[in-house]
Amino acid sequence: ASETIPGVMTNYRSHNIVINIKDQEQKELKKIGLPGGEDFTIETGAGQKKHWTWAAVVNNKEEELISLLQQHGVDSSEFPARSFAELYDEVYERSLSTLEPHNGELVRTIRIIKVWLHALVLNVDHLLLVKAKWQKGEFDAMTKD
């Protein structure tokens, strides 16, 4: 249940967008403390000030994943849009799958759990079926109703 809405089951979905700045010498980037990584302040339209600082990345799992893929001949730059972020989330954030070398080849093992809910309805065995599903943020109606 949600801490802010008691009694209501809440699913939180967060999305991380990683942007790597390749050319830090662009003069526009001085406003955000680059190329030197200096602290900076931005004033909002309401007159409030937001203070920012650059922090060193420790235990960079994105680089680890890229390296693992490259070691096995997989070029992540050829992935369709969002695929790398989805793979990272699947392996490191949600632990839905693993990537492990097997006989010199990288193997992706996905964890799938299927639950079959049965009930006797009017003394006849029934199975609960989904009429629509969500997958990767997309709604897929499985009936025309």
N, C-alpha and C. Protein backbone atom coordinates (compact mmCIF):
# COMPACT_ATOMS: atom_id res chain seq x y z
N ALA A 1 0.85 -1.19 0.00
CA ALA A 1 0.00 0.00 0.00
C ALA A 1 0.89 1.25 0.00
N SER A 2 0.33 2.32 -0.48
CA SER A 2 1.06 3.58 -0.57
C SER A 2 1.12 4.27 0.79
N GLU A 3 2.25 4.92 1.07
CA GLU A 3 2.36 5.70 2.30
C GLU A 3 1.51 6.95 2.23
N THR A 4 1.33 7.50 1.02
CA THR A 4 0.57 8.74 0.89
C THR A 4 -0.91 8.50 0.62
N ILE A 5 -1.27 7.33 0.11
CA ILE A 5 -2.67 6.98 -0.14
C ILE A 5 -2.93 5.65 0.57
N PRO A 6 -3.19 5.67 1.89
CA PRO A 6 -3.38 4.43 2.64
C PRO A 6 -4.53 3.59 2.07
N GLY A 7 -4.32 2.27 2.06
CA GLY A 7 -5.37 1.36 1.60
C GLY A 7 -5.41 1.14 0.10
N VAL A 8 -4.57 1.84 -0.65
CA VAL A 8 -4.56 1.67 -2.11
C VAL A 8 -3.22 1.08 -2.52
N MET A 9 -3.26 -0.10 -3.13
CA MET A 9 -2.03 -0.71 -3.61
C MET A 9 -1.48 0.17 -4.72
N THR A 10 -0.20 0.49 -4.63
CA THR A 10 0.42 1.40 -5.58
C THR A 10 1.66 0.76 -6.18
N ASN A 11 1.77 0.80 -7.49
CA ASN A 11 2.97 0.37 -8.19
C ASN A 11 3.73 1.61 -8.60
N TYR A 12 5.01 1.66 -8.25
CA TYR A 12 5.84 2.78 -8.62
C TYR A 12 6.69 2.37 -9.81
N ARG A 13 6.67 3.15 -10.86
CA ARG A 13 7.51 2.90 -12.02
C ARG A 13 8.42 4.09 -12.21
N SER A 14 9.71 3.82 -12.16
CA SER A 14 10.64 4.91 -12.40
C SER A 14 11.42 4.61 -13.67
N HIS A 15 11.77 5.64 -14.36
CA HIS A 15 12.52 5.50 -15.60
C HIS A 15 13.80 6.32 -15.46
N ASN A 16 14.91 5.69 -15.77
CA ASN A 16 16.19 6.38 -15.71
C ASN A 16 16.66 6.64 -17.13
N ILE A 17 17.05 7.85 -17.38
CA ILE A 17 17.58 8.22 -18.69
C ILE A 17 19.04 8.59 -18.49
N VAL A 18 19.92 7.88 -19.18
CA VAL A 18 21.35 8.13 -19.05
C VAL A 18 21.81 8.85 -20.31
N ILE A 19 22.43 10.01 -20.11
CA ILE A 19 22.95 10.79 -21.22
C ILE A 19 24.45 10.95 -21.00
N ASN A 20 25.24 10.52 -21.95
CA ASN A 20 26.69 10.68 -21.87
C ASN A 20 27.09 11.84 -22.77
N ILE A 21 27.69 12.86 -22.19
CA ILE A 21 28.12 14.03 -22.94
C ILE A 21 29.48 13.73 -23.54
N LYS A 22 29.56 13.71 -24.84
CA LYS A 22 30.81 13.34 -25.52
C LYS A 22 31.73 14.54 -25.72
N ASP A 23 31.19 15.68 -26.10
CA ASP A 23 32.01 16.87 -26.35
C ASP A 23 31.74 17.90 -25.25
N GLN A 24 32.50 17.81 -24.17
CA GLN A 24 32.29 18.69 -23.02
C GLN A 24 32.82 20.09 -23.23
N GLU A 25 33.48 20.34 -24.34
CA GLU A 25 34.08 21.64 -24.60
C GLU A 25 33.09 22.65 -25.19
N GLN A 26 31.86 22.23 -25.50
CA GLN A 26 30.86 23.15 -26.04
C GLN A 26 30.62 24.27 -25.02
N LYS A 27 30.63 25.52 -25.49
CA LYS A 27 30.52 26.66 -24.58
C LYS A 27 29.20 26.67 -23.80
N GLU A 28 28.13 26.09 -24.37
CA GLU A 28 26.83 26.06 -23.68
C GLU A 28 26.89 25.22 -22.40
N LEU A 29 27.82 24.28 -22.34
CA LEU A 29 27.91 23.38 -21.20
C LEU A 29 28.59 24.02 -19.99
N LYS A 30 29.20 25.20 -20.18
CA LYS A 30 29.79 25.91 -19.04
C LYS A 30 28.72 26.25 -18.00
N LYS A 31 27.46 26.45 -18.46
CA LYS A 31 26.36 26.78 -17.56
C LYS A 31 26.09 25.65 -16.57
N ILE A 32 26.50 24.43 -16.94
CA ILE A 32 26.29 23.30 -16.02
C ILE A 32 27.63 22.75 -15.51
N GLY A 33 28.64 23.60 -15.44
CA GLY A 33 29.89 23.27 -14.78
C GLY A 33 30.88 22.43 -15.56
N LEU A 34 30.66 22.28 -16.85
CA LEU A 34 31.60 21.48 -17.66
C LEU A 34 32.51 22.39 -18.45
N PRO A 35 33.69 22.00 -18.77
CA PRO A 35 34.24 20.64 -18.68
C PRO A 35 34.88 20.31 -17.34
N GLY A 36 35.02 21.25 -16.43
CA GLY A 36 35.77 21.01 -15.20
C GLY A 36 35.00 20.31 -14.09
N GLY A 37 33.69 20.16 -14.23
CA GLY A 37 32.89 19.52 -13.19
C GLY A 37 32.66 20.40 -11.97
N GLU A 38 32.61 21.75 -12.18
CA GLU A 38 32.39 22.68 -11.07
C GLU A 38 30.92 22.67 -10.64
N ASP A 39 30.69 22.98 -9.37
CA ASP A 39 29.33 23.15 -8.87
C ASP A 39 28.69 24.33 -9.58
N PHE A 40 27.36 24.33 -9.71
CA PHE A 40 26.67 25.44 -10.35
C PHE A 40 25.28 25.60 -9.76
N THR A 41 24.70 26.79 -10.01
CA THR A 41 23.38 27.12 -9.49
C THR A 41 22.50 27.58 -10.64
N ILE A 42 21.25 27.14 -10.61
CA ILE A 42 20.27 27.58 -11.61
C ILE A 42 19.11 28.22 -10.87
N GLU A 43 18.68 29.38 -11.38
CA GLU A 43 17.54 30.06 -10.78
C GLU A 43 16.28 29.69 -11.56
N THR A 44 15.24 29.24 -10.84
CA THR A 44 13.99 28.86 -11.49
C THR A 44 13.16 30.10 -11.77
N GLY A 45 12.09 29.91 -12.52
CA GLY A 45 11.20 31.03 -12.85
C GLY A 45 10.56 31.64 -11.62
N ALA A 46 10.44 30.88 -10.53
CA ALA A 46 9.83 31.38 -9.30
C ALA A 46 10.85 32.07 -8.40
N GLY A 47 12.06 32.28 -8.90
CA GLY A 47 13.09 32.95 -8.12
C GLY A 47 13.82 32.04 -7.15
N GLN A 48 13.51 30.76 -7.16
CA GLN A 48 14.22 29.82 -6.30
C GLN A 48 15.53 29.40 -6.96
N LYS A 49 16.50 29.06 -6.14
CA LYS A 49 17.79 28.62 -6.67
C LYS A 49 17.96 27.13 -6.42
N LYS A 50 18.44 26.44 -7.44
CA LYS A 50 18.75 25.01 -7.34
C LYS A 50 20.25 24.87 -7.46
N HIS A 51 20.86 24.22 -6.48
CA HIS A 51 22.30 24.04 -6.45
C HIS A 51 22.64 22.62 -6.90
N TRP A 52 23.60 22.50 -7.81
CA TRP A 52 23.98 21.22 -8.39
C TRP A 52 25.47 20.97 -8.19
N THR A 53 25.84 19.70 -8.11
CA THR A 53 27.24 19.32 -8.02
C THR A 53 27.47 18.06 -8.84
N TRP A 54 28.65 17.93 -9.42
CA TRP A 54 29.02 16.73 -10.15
C TRP A 54 29.65 15.76 -9.16
N ALA A 55 29.27 14.50 -9.21
CA ALA A 55 29.82 13.48 -8.31
C ALA A 55 30.38 12.33 -9.13
N ALA A 56 31.49 11.79 -8.70
CA ALA A 56 32.11 10.67 -9.40
C ALA A 56 31.18 9.46 -9.35
N VAL A 57 31.08 8.75 -10.46
CA VAL A 57 30.26 7.54 -10.52
C VAL A 57 31.08 6.39 -9.93
N VAL A 58 30.50 5.73 -8.97
CA VAL A 58 31.15 4.58 -8.34
C VAL A 58 30.37 3.34 -8.75
N ASN A 59 31.08 2.27 -9.11
CA ASN A 59 30.44 1.01 -9.48
C ASN A 59 29.50 1.21 -10.66
N ASN A 60 30.05 1.67 -11.77
CA ASN A 60 29.27 2.00 -12.95
C ASN A 60 28.81 0.73 -13.66
N LYS A 61 27.59 0.31 -13.37
CA LYS A 61 27.05 -0.92 -13.95
C LYS A 61 26.79 -0.79 -15.45
N GLU A 62 26.50 0.42 -15.94
CA GLU A 62 26.29 0.59 -17.38
C GLU A 62 27.55 0.22 -18.15
N GLU A 63 28.70 0.72 -17.65
CA GLU A 63 29.98 0.40 -18.30
C GLU A 63 30.27 -1.10 -18.20
N GLU A 64 29.93 -1.69 -17.06
CA GLU A 64 30.14 -3.12 -16.87
C GLU A 64 29.32 -3.92 -17.89
N LEU A 65 28.08 -3.52 -18.12
CA LEU A 65 27.22 -4.21 -19.08
C LEU A 65 27.75 -4.03 -20.50
N ILE A 66 28.14 -2.82 -20.86
CA ILE A 66 28.70 -2.57 -22.19
C ILE A 66 29.94 -3.42 -22.40
N SER A 67 30.81 -3.48 -21.40
CA SER A 67 32.03 -4.27 -21.49
C SER A 67 31.72 -5.76 -21.65
N LEU A 68 30.77 -6.26 -20.88
CA LEU A 68 30.37 -7.67 -20.98
C LEU A 68 29.85 -7.99 -22.38
N LEU A 69 29.02 -7.11 -22.90
CA LEU A 69 28.49 -7.32 -24.26
C LEU A 69 29.61 -7.29 -25.29
N GLN A 70 30.51 -6.30 -25.18
CA GLN A 70 31.61 -6.18 -26.14
C GLN A 70 32.54 -7.38 -26.09
N GLN A 71 32.81 -7.89 -24.90
CA GLN A 71 33.67 -9.07 -24.75
C GLN A 71 33.12 -10.28 -25.49
N HIS A 72 31.82 -10.28 -25.72
CA HIS A 72 31.19 -11.41 -26.40
C HIS A 72 30.69 -11.02 -27.79
N GLY A 73 31.28 -9.97 -28.35
CA GLY A 73 31.00 -9.59 -29.73
C GLY A 73 29.66 -8.94 -29.97
N VAL A 74 29.05 -8.38 -28.93
CA VAL A 74 27.76 -7.72 -29.07
C VAL A 74 27.98 -6.21 -29.01
N ASP A 75 27.55 -5.50 -30.07
CA ASP A 75 27.70 -4.05 -30.14
C ASP A 75 26.38 -3.40 -29.71
N SER A 76 26.35 -2.87 -28.48
CA SER A 76 25.11 -2.30 -27.94
C SER A 76 24.67 -1.06 -28.71
N SER A 77 25.58 -0.44 -29.48
CA SER A 77 25.18 0.75 -30.25
C SER A 77 24.25 0.36 -31.41
N GLU A 78 24.18 -0.93 -31.73
CA GLU A 78 23.28 -1.40 -32.79
C GLU A 78 21.92 -1.81 -32.26
N PHE A 79 21.72 -1.72 -30.93
CA PHE A 79 20.43 -2.07 -30.34
C PHE A 79 19.36 -1.07 -30.79
N PRO A 80 18.12 -1.52 -30.96
CA PRO A 80 17.02 -0.56 -31.20
C PRO A 80 16.88 0.40 -30.02
N ALA A 81 16.25 1.53 -30.25
CA ALA A 81 16.05 2.53 -29.19
C ALA A 81 15.45 1.87 -27.96
N ARG A 82 15.91 2.24 -26.80
CA ARG A 82 15.46 1.80 -25.48
C ARG A 82 15.89 0.39 -25.11
N SER A 83 16.43 -0.39 -26.04
CA SER A 83 16.76 -1.79 -25.72
C SER A 83 17.86 -1.91 -24.67
N PHE A 84 18.90 -1.07 -24.76
CA PHE A 84 19.97 -1.16 -23.76
C PHE A 84 19.43 -0.82 -22.38
N ALA A 85 18.63 0.24 -22.28
CA ALA A 85 18.07 0.64 -20.99
C ALA A 85 17.17 -0.47 -20.43
N GLU A 86 16.40 -1.12 -21.31
CA GLU A 86 15.53 -2.21 -20.87
C GLU A 86 16.36 -3.40 -20.38
N LEU A 87 17.44 -3.72 -21.10
CA LEU A 87 18.30 -4.82 -20.69
C LEU A 87 18.96 -4.51 -19.35
N TYR A 88 19.47 -3.29 -19.19
CA TYR A 88 20.09 -2.88 -17.93
C TYR A 88 19.10 -3.02 -16.78
N ASP A 89 17.89 -2.51 -16.99
CA ASP A 89 16.85 -2.58 -15.96
C ASP A 89 16.51 -4.03 -15.64
N GLU A 90 16.39 -4.84 -16.65
CA GLU A 90 16.04 -6.26 -16.50
C GLU A 90 17.11 -7.02 -15.70
N VAL A 91 18.39 -6.74 -15.97
CA VAL A 91 19.49 -7.47 -15.34
C VAL A 91 19.86 -6.88 -13.98
N TYR A 92 20.05 -5.56 -13.89
CA TYR A 92 20.61 -4.95 -12.69
C TYR A 92 19.58 -4.36 -11.73
N GLU A 93 18.51 -3.80 -12.24
CA GLU A 93 17.55 -3.13 -11.36
C GLU A 93 16.47 -4.09 -10.85
N ARG A 94 15.85 -4.85 -11.75
CA ARG A 94 14.72 -5.69 -11.36
C ARG A 94 15.08 -7.16 -11.23
N SER A 95 16.31 -7.53 -11.59
CA SER A 95 16.80 -8.92 -11.48
C SER A 95 15.84 -9.92 -12.12
N LEU A 96 15.34 -9.57 -13.30
CA LEU A 96 14.45 -10.47 -14.03
C LEU A 96 15.21 -11.45 -14.90
N SER A 97 16.48 -11.14 -15.18
CA SER A 97 17.28 -12.02 -16.01
C SER A 97 18.74 -11.92 -15.61
N THR A 98 19.53 -12.85 -16.16
CA THR A 98 20.97 -12.82 -15.96
C THR A 98 21.64 -12.93 -17.33
N LEU A 99 22.86 -12.44 -17.41
CA LEU A 99 23.70 -12.60 -18.60
C LEU A 99 24.96 -13.32 -18.15
N GLU A 100 25.19 -14.51 -18.70
CA GLU A 100 26.35 -15.29 -18.29
C GLU A 100 26.98 -15.97 -19.50
N PRO A 101 28.31 -16.01 -19.52
CA PRO A 101 28.98 -16.73 -20.61
C PRO A 101 28.76 -18.23 -20.47
N HIS A 102 28.50 -18.88 -21.60
CA HIS A 102 28.33 -20.32 -21.63
C HIS A 102 28.94 -20.83 -22.93
N ASN A 103 30.00 -21.62 -22.81
CA ASN A 103 30.72 -22.13 -23.98
C ASN A 103 31.15 -21.00 -24.92
N GLY A 104 31.65 -19.90 -24.34
CA GLY A 104 32.16 -18.79 -25.12
C GLY A 104 31.09 -17.86 -25.68
N GLU A 105 29.83 -18.14 -25.39
CA GLU A 105 28.73 -17.33 -25.90
C GLU A 105 27.97 -16.72 -24.73
N LEU A 106 27.51 -15.49 -24.89
CA LEU A 106 26.75 -14.81 -23.83
C LEU A 106 25.30 -15.30 -23.88
N VAL A 107 24.81 -15.80 -22.75
CA VAL A 107 23.44 -16.34 -22.68
C VAL A 107 22.61 -15.51 -21.72
N ARG A 108 21.45 -15.11 -22.18
CA ARG A 108 20.48 -14.35 -21.38
C ARG A 108 19.45 -15.34 -20.85
N THR A 109 19.34 -15.43 -19.52
CA THR A 109 18.36 -16.30 -18.89
C THR A 109 17.30 -15.42 -18.24
N ILE A 110 16.07 -15.62 -18.67
CA ILE A 110 14.96 -14.79 -18.20
C ILE A 110 14.11 -15.59 -17.21
N ARG A 111 13.77 -14.94 -16.10
CA ARG A 111 12.92 -15.58 -15.11
C ARG A 111 11.46 -15.29 -15.44
N ILE A 112 10.68 -16.34 -15.60
CA ILE A 112 9.25 -16.18 -15.90
C ILE A 112 8.46 -16.98 -14.88
N ILE A 113 7.45 -16.35 -14.33
CA ILE A 113 6.56 -17.04 -13.40
C ILE A 113 5.16 -16.97 -13.98
N LYS A 114 4.53 -18.12 -14.12
CA LYS A 114 3.14 -18.17 -14.59
C LYS A 114 2.29 -18.72 -13.46
N VAL A 115 1.19 -18.07 -13.22
CA VAL A 115 0.27 -18.49 -12.17
C VAL A 115 -1.05 -18.86 -12.84
N TRP A 116 -1.51 -20.06 -12.58
CA TRP A 116 -2.78 -20.54 -13.15
C TRP A 116 -3.78 -20.60 -12.01
N LEU A 117 -4.78 -19.73 -12.04
CA LEU A 117 -5.77 -19.64 -10.97
C LEU A 117 -7.02 -20.39 -11.39
N HIS A 118 -7.33 -21.47 -10.67
CA HIS A 118 -8.51 -22.30 -10.95
C HIS A 118 -9.55 -22.09 -9.86
N ALA A 119 -10.83 -22.20 -10.24
CA ALA A 119 -11.92 -22.14 -9.27
C ALA A 119 -13.09 -22.94 -9.81
N LEU A 120 -13.80 -23.58 -8.91
CA LEU A 120 -15.03 -24.27 -9.31
C LEU A 120 -16.14 -23.23 -9.37
N VAL A 121 -16.67 -23.03 -10.54
CA VAL A 121 -17.79 -22.10 -10.74
C VAL A 121 -18.96 -22.94 -11.20
N LEU A 122 -20.02 -23.01 -10.37
CA LEU A 122 -21.18 -23.86 -10.65
C LEU A 122 -20.75 -25.30 -10.91
N ASN A 123 -19.81 -25.78 -10.08
CA ASN A 123 -19.27 -27.14 -10.14
C ASN A 123 -18.54 -27.46 -11.43
N VAL A 124 -18.08 -26.45 -12.15
CA VAL A 124 -17.28 -26.65 -13.36
C VAL A 124 -15.95 -25.93 -13.14
N ASP A 125 -14.84 -26.63 -13.43
CA ASP A 125 -13.52 -26.04 -13.26
C ASP A 125 -13.35 -24.88 -14.25
N HIS A 126 -12.98 -23.73 -13.74
CA HIS A 126 -12.71 -22.55 -14.56
C HIS A 126 -11.27 -22.08 -14.32
N LEU A 127 -10.73 -21.45 -15.32
CA LEU A 127 -9.39 -20.88 -15.26
C LEU A 127 -9.52 -19.38 -15.48
N LEU A 128 -8.88 -18.58 -14.65
CA LEU A 128 -8.92 -17.13 -14.79
C LEU A 128 -7.97 -16.73 -15.91
N LEU A 129 -8.50 -16.01 -16.90
CA LEU A 129 -7.72 -15.55 -18.04
C LEU A 129 -7.67 -14.04 -18.08
N VAL A 130 -6.61 -13.52 -18.59
CA VAL A 130 -6.49 -12.07 -18.75
C VAL A 130 -7.06 -11.68 -20.11
N LYS A 131 -7.81 -10.59 -20.15
CA LYS A 131 -8.38 -10.12 -21.42
C LYS A 131 -7.48 -9.12 -22.10
N ALA A 132 -6.52 -8.61 -21.37
CA ALA A 132 -5.57 -7.66 -21.93
C ALA A 132 -4.31 -7.74 -21.08
N LYS A 133 -3.19 -7.31 -21.62
CA LYS A 133 -1.96 -7.33 -20.85
C LYS A 133 -1.12 -6.09 -21.12
N TRP A 134 -0.28 -5.79 -20.15
CA TRP A 134 0.70 -4.72 -20.28
C TRP A 134 2.05 -5.38 -20.44
N GLN A 135 2.80 -4.97 -21.43
CA GLN A 135 4.15 -5.47 -21.60
C GLN A 135 5.02 -4.34 -22.11
N LYS A 136 6.11 -4.08 -21.40
CA LYS A 136 7.04 -3.00 -21.75
C LYS A 136 6.31 -1.66 -21.89
N GLY A 137 5.33 -1.44 -21.01
CA GLY A 137 4.63 -0.16 -21.01
C GLY A 137 3.57 -0.02 -22.09
N GLU A 138 3.32 -1.10 -22.85
CA GLU A 138 2.34 -1.06 -23.93
C GLU A 138 1.11 -1.89 -23.55
N PHE A 139 -0.08 -1.40 -23.86
CA PHE A 139 -1.33 -2.10 -23.61
C PHE A 139 -1.68 -2.93 -24.82
N ASP A 140 -1.93 -4.21 -24.61
CA ASP A 140 -2.28 -5.12 -25.70
C ASP A 140 -3.63 -5.72 -25.40
N ALA A 141 -4.69 -5.22 -26.05
CA ALA A 141 -6.03 -5.76 -25.86
C ALA A 141 -6.10 -7.10 -26.56
N MET A 142 -6.48 -8.14 -25.83
CA MET A 142 -6.50 -9.48 -26.39
C MET A 142 -7.90 -9.86 -26.89
N THR A 143 -8.89 -8.98 -26.68
CA THR A 143 -10.23 -9.20 -27.20
C THR A 143 -10.69 -7.92 -27.86
N LYS A 144 -11.73 -8.01 -28.63
CA LYS A 144 -12.25 -6.83 -29.32
C LYS A 144 -13.29 -6.10 -28.47
N ASP A 145 -13.63 -6.63 -27.28
CA ASP A 145 -14.66 -6.00 -26.44
C ASP A 145 -14.24 -4.62 -26.00
